[in-house]
C-alpha atoms as a PDB file:
ATOM      1  CA  UNK A   1     178.067  59.776 -36.776  1.00  0.00           C
ATOM      2  CA  UNK A   2     174.365  59.225 -36.317  1.00  0.00           C
ATOM      3  CA  UNK A   3     174.698  55.521 -37.244  1.00  0.00           C
ATOM      4  CA  UNK A   4     177.392  54.868 -34.633  1.00  0.00           C
ATOM      5  CA  UNK A   5     175.348  56.794 -32.025  1.00  0.00           C
ATOM      6  CA  UNK A   6     172.320  54.545 -32.653  1.00  0.00           C
ATOM      7  CA  UNK A   7     174.492  51.418 -32.594  1.00  0.00           C
ATOM      8  CA  UNK A   8     176.057  52.469 -29.302  1.00  0.00           C
ATOM      9  CA  UNK A   9     172.633  53.210 -27.843  1.00  0.00           C
ATOM     10  CA  UNK A  10     171.417  49.784 -29.005  1.00  0.00           C
ATOM     11  CA  UNK A  11     174.385  48.039 -27.336  1.00  0.00           C
ATOM     12  CA  UNK A  12     173.954  50.013 -24.111  1.00  0.00           C
ATOM     13  CA  UNK A  13     170.221  49.154 -24.018  1.00  0.00           C
ATOM     14  CA  UNK A  14     171.003  45.469 -24.606  1.00  0.00           C
ATOM     15  CA  UNK A  15     173.579  45.440 -21.783  1.00  0.00           C
ATOM     16  CA  UNK A  16     171.168  47.192 -19.399  1.00  0.00           C
ATOM     17  CA  UNK A  17     168.414  44.683 -20.261  1.00  0.00           C
ATOM     18  CA  UNK A  18     170.693  41.686 -19.710  1.00  0.00           C
ATOM     19  CA  UNK A  19     172.000  43.225 -16.481  1.00  0.00           C
ATOM     20  CA  UNK A  20     168.436  43.776 -15.220  1.00  0.00           C
ATOM     21  CA  UNK A  21     167.505  40.167 -16.004  1.00  0.00           C
ATOM     22  CA  UNK A  22     170.595  38.863 -14.178  1.00  0.00           C
ATOM     23  CA  UNK A  23     169.842  41.033 -11.126  1.00  0.00           C
ATOM     24  CA  UNK A  24     166.164  39.922 -11.143  1.00  0.00           C
ATOM     25  CA  UNK A  25     167.149  36.229 -11.366  1.00  0.00           C
ATOM     26  CA  UNK A  26     169.637  36.636  -8.507  1.00  0.00           C
ATOM     27  CA  UNK A  27     167.058  38.376  -6.319  1.00  0.00           C
ATOM     28  CA  UNK A  28     164.459  35.706  -7.033  1.00  0.00           C
ATOM     29  CA  UNK A  29     167.035  32.991  -6.376  1.00  0.00           C
ATOM     30  CA  UNK A  30     167.892  34.335  -2.912  1.00  0.00           C
ATOM     31  CA  UNK A  31     164.532  35.768  -1.776  1.00  0.00           C
ATOM     32  CA  UNK A  32     161.595  35.032  -4.015  1.00  0.00           C
ATOM     33  CA  UNK A  33     160.921  31.255  -3.888  1.00  0.00           C
ATOM     34  CA  UNK A  34     160.572  31.005  -0.094  1.00  0.00           C
ATOM     35  CA  UNK A  35     158.080  33.853   0.113  1.00  0.00           C
ATOM     36  CA  UNK A  36     156.012  32.613  -2.803  1.00  0.00           C
ATOM     37  CA  UNK A  37     155.956  29.025  -1.516  1.00  0.00           C
ATOM     38  CA  UNK A  38     154.965  30.122   2.005  1.00  0.00           C
ATOM     39  CA  UNK A  39     152.155  32.371   0.826  1.00  0.00           C
ATOM     40  CA  UNK A  40     150.805  29.702  -1.543  1.00  0.00           C
ATOM     41  CA  UNK A  41     150.869  27.014   1.143  1.00  0.00           C
ATOM     42  CA  UNK A  42     149.049  29.233   3.660  1.00  0.00           C
ATOM     43  CA  UNK A  43     146.365  30.347   1.246  1.00  0.00           C
ATOM     44  CA  UNK A  44     145.601  26.820  -0.028  1.00  0.00           C
ATOM     45  CA  UNK A  45     145.561  25.068   3.367  1.00  0.00           C
ATOM     46  CA  UNK A  46     142.104  25.204   5.010  1.00  0.00           C
ATOM     47  CA  UNK A  47     141.843  26.076   8.689  1.00  0.00           C
ATOM     48  CA  UNK A  48     141.461  22.715  10.473  1.00  0.00           C
ATOM     49  CA  UNK A  49     142.109  23.671  14.104  1.00  0.00           C
ATOM     50  CA  UNK A  50     139.528  25.192  16.454  1.00  0.00           C
ATOM     51  CA  UNK A  51     140.292  26.381  19.984  1.00  0.00           C
ATOM     52  CA  UNK A  52     137.781  25.811  22.796  1.00  0.00           C
ATOM     53  CA  UNK A  53     134.924  24.305  20.739  1.00  0.00           C
ATOM     54  CA  UNK A  54     131.487  23.817  22.352  1.00  0.00           C
ATOM     55  CA  UNK A  55     128.899  21.497  20.766  1.00  0.00           C
ATOM     56  CA  UNK A  56     125.386  21.133  22.213  1.00  0.00           C
ATOM     57  CA  UNK A  57     122.643  18.576  21.495  1.00  0.00           C
ATOM     58  CA  UNK A  58     119.034  19.516  22.309  1.00  0.00           C
ATOM     59  CA  UNK A  59     115.798  17.581  21.988  1.00  0.00           C
ATOM     60  CA  UNK A  60     112.307  18.956  22.624  1.00  0.00           C
ATOM     61  CA  UNK A  61     113.804  22.118  24.123  1.00  0.00           C
ATOM     62  CA  UNK A  62     115.902  20.176  26.670  1.00  0.00           C
ATOM     63  CA  UNK A  63     119.661  19.937  26.616  1.00  0.00           C
ATOM     64  CA  UNK A  64     120.724  16.306  26.095  1.00  0.00           C
ATOM     65  CA  UNK A  65     124.490  16.838  26.191  1.00  0.00           C
ATOM     66  CA  UNK A  66     127.236  19.424  25.887  1.00  0.00           C
ATOM     67  CA  UNK A  67     130.713  18.681  24.518  1.00  0.00           C
ATOM     68  CA  UNK A  68     133.706  20.952  25.228  1.00  0.00           C
ATOM     69  CA  UNK A  69     137.419  20.609  24.500  1.00  0.00           C
ATOM     70  CA  UNK A  70     140.617  22.627  24.685  1.00  0.00           C
ATOM     71  CA  UNK A  71     140.968  22.290  20.923  1.00  0.00           C
ATOM     72  CA  UNK A  72     139.590  20.326  17.978  1.00  0.00           C
ATOM     73  CA  UNK A  73     141.412  19.248  14.834  1.00  0.00           C
ATOM     74  CA  UNK A  74     139.490  18.193  11.722  1.00  0.00           C
ATOM     75  CA  UNK A  75     140.633  14.797  10.396  1.00  0.00           C
ATOM     76  CA  UNK A  76     140.648  13.700   6.752  1.00  0.00           C
ATOM     77  CA  UNK A  77     137.876  11.148   7.436  1.00  0.00           C
ATOM     78  CA  UNK A  78     135.540  13.943   8.606  1.00  0.00           C
ATOM     79  CA  UNK A  79     135.848  13.247  12.327  1.00  0.00           C
ATOM     80  CA  UNK A  80     137.172  15.789  14.803  1.00  0.00           C
ATOM     81  CA  UNK A  81     140.012  14.892  17.153  1.00  0.00           C
ATOM     82  CA  UNK A  82     139.375  16.598  20.500  1.00  0.00           C
ATOM     83  CA  UNK A  83     142.116  17.438  23.000  1.00  0.00           C
ATOM     84  CA  UNK A  84     141.110  17.282  26.701  1.00  0.00           C
ATOM     85  CA  UNK A  85     137.383  16.815  25.965  1.00  0.00           C
ATOM     86  CA  UNK A  86     134.544  16.984  28.504  1.00  0.00           C
ATOM     87  CA  UNK A  87     131.088  15.631  27.711  1.00  0.00           C
ATOM     88  CA  UNK A  88     128.255  16.495  30.095  1.00  0.00           C
ATOM     89  CA  UNK A  89     125.175  14.277  29.691  1.00  0.00           C
ATOM     90  CA  UNK A  90     121.918  15.384  31.322  1.00  0.00           C
ATOM     91  CA  UNK A  91     119.642  12.561  32.525  1.00  0.00           C
ATOM     92  CA  UNK A  92     115.842  12.695  32.584  1.00  0.00           C
ATOM     93  CA  UNK A  93     115.952  13.211  36.354  1.00  0.00           C
ATOM     94  CA  UNK A  94     118.272  16.213  36.004  1.00  0.00           C
ATOM     95  CA  UNK A  95     121.480  14.453  37.044  1.00  0.00           C
ATOM     96  CA  UNK A  96     124.746  15.213  35.244  1.00  0.00           C
ATOM     97  CA  UNK A  97     127.091  12.536  33.939  1.00  0.00           C
ATOM     98  CA  UNK A  98     130.468  14.187  33.306  1.00  0.00           C
ATOM     99  CA  UNK A  99     132.982  12.382  31.095  1.00  0.00           C
ATOM    100  CA  UNK A 100     136.505  13.536  30.360  1.00  0.00           C
ATOM    101  CA  UNK A 101     139.710  12.066  28.952  1.00  0.00           C
ATOM    102  CA  UNK A 102     142.944  13.071  27.268  1.00  0.00           C
ATOM    103  CA  UNK A 103     141.462  12.812  23.776  1.00  0.00           C
ATOM    104  CA  UNK A 104     138.319  11.879  21.888  1.00  0.00           C
ATOM    105  CA  UNK A 105     136.935  11.666  18.368  1.00  0.00           C
ATOM    106  CA  UNK A 106     133.631  13.302  17.480  1.00  0.00           C
ATOM    107  CA  UNK A 107     131.657  12.241  14.401  1.00  0.00           C
ATOM    108  CA  UNK A 108     129.630  15.320  13.376  1.00  0.00           C
ATOM    109  CA  UNK A 109     127.267  13.308  11.149  1.00  0.00           C
ATOM    110  CA  UNK A 110     126.353  10.571  13.642  1.00  0.00           C
ATOM    111  CA  UNK A 111     126.924  12.859  16.686  1.00  0.00           C
ATOM    112  CA  UNK A 112     128.881  10.037  18.398  1.00  0.00           C
ATOM    113  CA  UNK A 113     131.878  10.614  20.673  1.00  0.00           C
ATOM    114  CA  UNK A 114     134.661   8.060  21.274  1.00  0.00           C
ATOM    115  CA  UNK A 115     136.852   8.813  24.320  1.00  0.00           C
ATOM    116  CA  UNK A 116     140.298   7.337  24.796  1.00  0.00           C
ATOM    117  CA  UNK A 117     143.189   7.514  27.282  1.00  0.00           C
ATOM    118  CA  UNK A 118     142.446   7.967  30.999  1.00  0.00           C
ATOM    119  CA  UNK A 119     138.663   8.178  30.707  1.00  0.00           C
ATOM    120  CA  UNK A 120     136.902   9.406  33.866  1.00  0.00           C
ATOM    121  CA  UNK A 121     133.138   9.377  34.386  1.00  0.00           C
ATOM    122  CA  UNK A 122     131.660  11.315  37.321  1.00  0.00           C
ATOM    123  CA  UNK A 123     128.058  10.392  38.212  1.00  0.00           C
ATOM    124  CA  UNK A 124     126.582  11.421  41.582  1.00  0.00           C
ATOM    125  CA  UNK A 125     129.163  10.159  44.131  1.00  0.00           C
ATOM    126  CA  UNK A 126     130.591   7.586  41.677  1.00  0.00           C
ATOM    127  CA  UNK A 127     133.855   7.733  39.749  1.00  0.00           C
ATOM    128  CA  UNK A 128     134.366   5.316  36.859  1.00  0.00           C
ATOM    129  CA  UNK A 129     137.810   4.827  35.301  1.00  0.00           C
ATOM    130  CA  UNK A 130     138.551   3.176  31.961  1.00  0.00           C
ATOM    131  CA  UNK A 131     140.748   3.538  28.902  1.00  0.00           C
ATOM    132  CA  UNK A 132     137.926   3.731  26.362  1.00  0.00           C
ATOM    133  CA  UNK A 133     134.290   4.856  26.247  1.00  0.00           C
ATOM    134  CA  UNK A 134     131.856   5.589  23.424  1.00  0.00           C
ATOM    135  CA  UNK A 135     128.675   7.662  23.527  1.00  0.00           C
ATOM    136  CA  UNK A 136     126.326   6.537  20.739  1.00  0.00           C
ATOM    137  CA  UNK A 137     123.908   9.397  20.124  1.00  0.00           C
ATOM    138  CA  UNK A 138     121.312   7.438  18.103  1.00  0.00           C
ATOM    139  CA  UNK A 139     120.724   4.904  20.907  1.00  0.00           C
ATOM    140  CA  UNK A 140     121.542   7.416  23.697  1.00  0.00           C
ATOM    141  CA  UNK A 141     123.916   4.905  25.344  1.00  0.00           C
ATOM    142  CA  UNK A 142     127.336   5.144  26.967  1.00  0.00           C
ATOM    143  CA  UNK A 143     129.353   2.021  26.167  1.00  0.00           C
ATOM    144  CA  UNK A 144     132.541   0.992  27.969  1.00  0.00           C
ATOM    145  CA  UNK A 145     133.770  -2.004  25.922  1.00  0.00           C
ATOM    146  CA  UNK A 146     136.937  -2.693  27.917  1.00  0.00           C
ATOM    147  CA  UNK A 147     137.731  -3.143  31.612  1.00  0.00           C
ATOM    148  CA  UNK A 148     136.525  -0.487  34.054  1.00  0.00           C
ATOM    149  CA  UNK A 149     136.657   0.241  37.774  1.00  0.00           C
ATOM    150  CA  UNK A 150     134.120   2.144  39.875  1.00  0.00           C
ATOM    151  CA  UNK A 151     134.538   3.776  43.275  1.00  0.00           C
ATOM    152  CA  UNK A 152     131.901   5.515  45.336  1.00  0.00           C
ATOM    153  CA  UNK A 153     131.123   5.610  49.028  1.00  0.00           C
ATOM    154  CA  UNK A 154     132.019   2.229  50.506  1.00  0.00           C
ATOM    155  CA  UNK A 155     131.610   0.361  47.210  1.00  0.00           C
ATOM    156  CA  UNK A 156     134.341  -0.625  44.779  1.00  0.00           C
ATOM    157  CA  UNK A 157     133.584  -2.487  41.568  1.00  0.00           C
ATOM    158  CA  UNK A 158     135.429  -3.836  38.540  1.00  0.00           C
ATOM    159  CA  UNK A 159     134.007  -5.236  35.359  1.00  0.00           C
ATOM    160  CA  UNK A 160     134.020  -5.268  31.586  1.00  0.00           C
ATOM    161  CA  UNK A 161     131.632  -4.260  28.790  1.00  0.00           C
ATOM    162  CA  UNK A 162     129.177  -1.901  30.515  1.00  0.00           C
ATOM    163  CA  UNK A 163     126.336   0.139  29.009  1.00  0.00           C
ATOM    164  CA  UNK A 164     124.596   3.113  30.621  1.00  0.00           C
ATOM    165  CA  UNK A 165     121.317   4.299  29.095  1.00  0.00           C
ATOM    166  CA  UNK A 166     121.218   8.066  29.601  1.00  0.00           C
ATOM    167  CA  UNK A 167     117.469   8.570  29.639  1.00  0.00           C
ATOM    168  CA  UNK A 168     116.509   5.637  31.898  1.00  0.00           C
ATOM    169  CA  UNK A 169     119.776   5.614  33.913  1.00  0.00           C
ATOM    170  CA  UNK A 170     119.751   1.813  33.525  1.00  0.00           C
ATOM    171  CA  UNK A 171     123.139   0.061  33.690  1.00  0.00           C
ATOM    172  CA  UNK A 172     123.983  -3.292  32.079  1.00  0.00           C
ATOM    173  CA  UNK A 173     127.291  -5.144  32.468  1.00  0.00           C
ATOM    174  CA  UNK A 174     127.637  -7.873  29.839  1.00  0.00           C
ATOM    175  CA  UNK A 175     130.968  -9.552  30.718  1.00  0.00           C
ATOM    176  CA  UNK A 176     130.714  -9.760  34.500  1.00  0.00           C
ATOM    177  CA  UNK A 177     131.270  -7.475  37.446  1.00  0.00           C
ATOM    178  CA  UNK A 178     132.951  -7.826  40.837  1.00  0.00           C
ATOM    179  CA  UNK A 179     131.580  -5.648  43.656  1.00  0.00           C
ATOM    180  CA  UNK A 180     132.955  -5.098  47.165  1.00  0.00           C
ATOM    181  CA  UNK A 181     131.008  -3.197  49.835  1.00  0.00           C
ATOM    182  CA  UNK A 182     133.128  -2.261  52.878  1.00  0.00           C
ATOM    183  CA  UNK A 183     130.094  -1.117  54.874  1.00  0.00           C
ATOM    184  CA  UNK A 184     127.147  -3.402  54.061  1.00  0.00           C
ATOM    185  CA  UNK A 185     123.814  -2.272  55.504  1.00  0.00           C
ATOM    186  CA  UNK A 186     122.381  -5.771  55.778  1.00  0.00           C
ATOM    187  CA  UNK A 187     123.650  -9.076  57.096  1.00  0.00           C
ATOM    188  CA  UNK A 188     122.522 -12.568  56.284  1.00  0.00           C
ATOM    189  CA  UNK A 189     120.173 -14.372  58.716  1.00  0.00           C
ATOM    190  CA  UNK A 190     121.808 -16.350  61.479  1.00  0.00           C
ATOM    191  CA  UNK A 191     120.813 -19.967  61.781  1.00  0.00           C
END
């Protein structure tokens, strides 16, 4: 009788073990893989999105520029894609040059900013519109390589390939400019 008791106990234990394995496999099949995959993906993915970033450049105790955006997304090439960015440049004379667009790319190593899509530059009473603009930090120059238009007071201008030197406030237009003044202050001499 003791041998049949131990054999019965052995068979019952084997059936319980197999039943537990089947239940565990079924539970993992219906629930486990999604949870494990989600947790693994979240823990391995680095945080690449920043809301409301502010980046400031100073030199000799003076603020050179300040860059703000609604959000920044780190790109694989190391650059940051900025959504609704605003760059405020401070000139030597204390004037502000405010640049904004729909998006921009910031290179954290070179400290350059490339604006794209509906670029607007506000400087004194002037408004410049373009589709692309680059601020090169090393040379401290704003470069508008494509066509641009400027409005301010009674003057309207259009041109292409303009550079603005932040520190000297000097402007160069390399590919020509057309200027119209609706209220000229001087007239040519009559003869």
